[in-house]
Amino acid sequence: EDQQLCGSGHKVPLRLWSLRGKKAGDEVLLSLPDGQSIKVSVPEGKVQGDVIKVSAPVLMVQVPAGAISGELVSFATPLGEIQTARIPAEKEAGEYFEVPL
């Protein structure tokens, strides 16, 4: 299989993809662990058989004033969609945390 699941220090999933049959500038449609798909362009200098790392898209969400860890907060995505996420235990008002998109 061309894919291998690994992890980053930020707990954002990473996948490695083979570039078989692709060249720099070609678009590749990738399936993320949550079932969504994203398009990425093959970087310059990469050739058939090379592997690239792609991180899943995340949004940095700021903990609102007065909010505490464990609470749900609502936020707008770059596309204007309203989503919610639970504030991680170690985060306080004014700090940021990552939310996978």
Protein backbone atom coordinates (compact mmCIF):
# COMPACT_ATOMS: atom_id res chain seq x y z
CA GLU A 1 0.00 0.00 0.00
CA ASP A 2 1.18 3.53 -0.78
CA GLN A 3 0.05 5.04 2.51
CA GLN A 4 1.52 4.89 5.99
CA LEU A 5 -0.09 6.59 8.97
CA CYS A 6 2.24 8.37 11.35
CA GLY A 7 1.91 11.21 13.87
CA SER A 8 3.46 14.61 14.56
CA GLY A 9 4.38 16.29 17.80
CA HIS A 10 1.16 18.30 17.51
CA LYS A 11 -1.04 15.22 17.29
CA VAL A 12 -1.99 16.19 13.74
CA PRO A 13 -2.19 13.08 11.54
CA LEU A 14 0.32 12.83 8.73
CA ARG A 15 0.26 10.46 5.81
CA LEU A 16 2.99 9.63 3.37
CA TRP A 17 2.00 9.21 -0.27
CA SER A 18 3.89 7.65 -3.13
CA LEU A 19 4.13 9.73 -6.29
CA ARG A 20 3.95 6.84 -8.75
CA GLY A 21 2.90 8.18 -12.13
CA LYS A 22 2.97 11.82 -10.96
CA LYS A 23 5.35 14.71 -11.66
CA ALA A 24 5.97 18.17 -10.19
CA GLY A 25 2.89 20.37 -10.57
CA ASP A 26 0.42 17.48 -10.94
CA GLU A 27 -2.52 17.56 -8.55
CA VAL A 28 -3.12 14.57 -6.30
CA LEU A 29 -6.43 13.91 -4.50
CA LEU A 30 -5.72 12.56 -1.02
CA SER A 31 -8.13 10.92 1.44
CA LEU A 32 -7.66 12.04 5.04
CA PRO A 33 -8.24 9.80 8.09
CA ASP A 34 -11.62 11.46 8.74
CA GLY A 35 -12.84 10.53 5.25
CA GLN A 36 -12.49 14.01 3.74
CA SER A 37 -10.35 14.61 0.65
CA ILE A 38 -7.91 17.40 -0.19
CA LYS A 39 -6.02 18.31 -3.36
CA VAL A 40 -2.29 18.95 -3.19
CA SER A 41 0.23 19.75 -5.89
CA VAL A 42 3.34 17.60 -6.23
CA PRO A 43 6.27 19.80 -5.09
CA GLU A 44 9.13 20.72 -7.42
CA GLY A 45 12.04 18.31 -7.24
CA LYS A 46 9.87 15.29 -6.51
CA VAL A 47 9.77 12.50 -9.07
CA GLN A 48 7.99 9.20 -9.62
CA GLY A 49 8.60 6.87 -6.69
CA ASP A 50 9.36 9.71 -4.22
CA VAL A 51 7.25 10.12 -1.12
CA ILE A 52 5.87 13.42 0.24
CA LYS A 53 4.55 14.28 3.71
CA VAL A 54 1.19 16.00 3.88
CA SER A 55 -0.35 17.22 7.11
CA ALA A 56 -4.08 17.28 7.63
CA PRO A 57 -5.49 20.82 7.60
CA VAL A 58 -6.04 22.32 11.03
CA LEU A 59 -7.46 25.56 12.36
CA MET A 60 -5.99 27.33 15.37
CA VAL A 61 -8.82 28.25 17.75
CA GLN A 62 -8.35 30.73 20.60
CA VAL A 63 -9.86 29.89 23.99
CA PRO A 64 -12.33 32.74 24.69
CA ALA A 65 -12.15 34.84 27.84
CA GLY A 66 -14.15 33.19 30.62
CA ALA A 67 -14.08 29.75 28.99
CA ILE A 68 -12.55 26.80 30.84
CA SER A 69 -11.06 23.48 29.76
CA GLY A 70 -13.62 20.85 28.85
CA GLU A 71 -16.19 23.35 27.58
CA LEU A 72 -17.41 23.36 24.00
CA VAL A 73 -16.62 26.48 21.97
CA SER A 74 -18.06 27.49 18.61
CA PHE A 75 -15.96 29.00 15.84
CA ALA A 76 -16.21 29.78 12.13
CA THR A 77 -14.05 27.91 9.62
CA PRO A 78 -12.39 29.76 6.73
CA LEU A 79 -15.40 28.70 4.62
CA GLY A 80 -17.79 30.34 7.08
CA GLU A 81 -19.11 27.09 8.55
CA ILE A 82 -19.81 27.08 12.28
CA GLN A 83 -18.19 24.17 14.15
CA THR A 84 -17.63 23.29 17.79
CA ALA A 85 -14.68 21.82 19.64
CA ARG A 86 -13.93 20.93 23.23
CA ILE A 87 -11.22 23.01 24.93
CA PRO A 88 -8.30 20.72 25.86
CA ALA A 89 -7.51 20.27 29.56
CA GLU A 90 -4.20 22.13 29.45
CA LYS A 91 -5.52 25.26 27.69
CA GLU A 92 -6.55 28.54 29.33
CA ALA A 93 -8.28 31.71 28.10
CA GLY A 94 -6.25 33.44 25.39
CA GLU A 95 -4.29 30.33 24.40
CA TYR A 96 -4.73 28.51 21.07
CA PHE A 97 -5.40 24.85 20.26
CA GLU A 98 -5.55 22.90 16.99
CA VAL A 99 -8.82 21.66 15.54
CA PRO A 100 -8.69 19.34 12.50
CA LEU A 101 -10.78 20.62 9.60
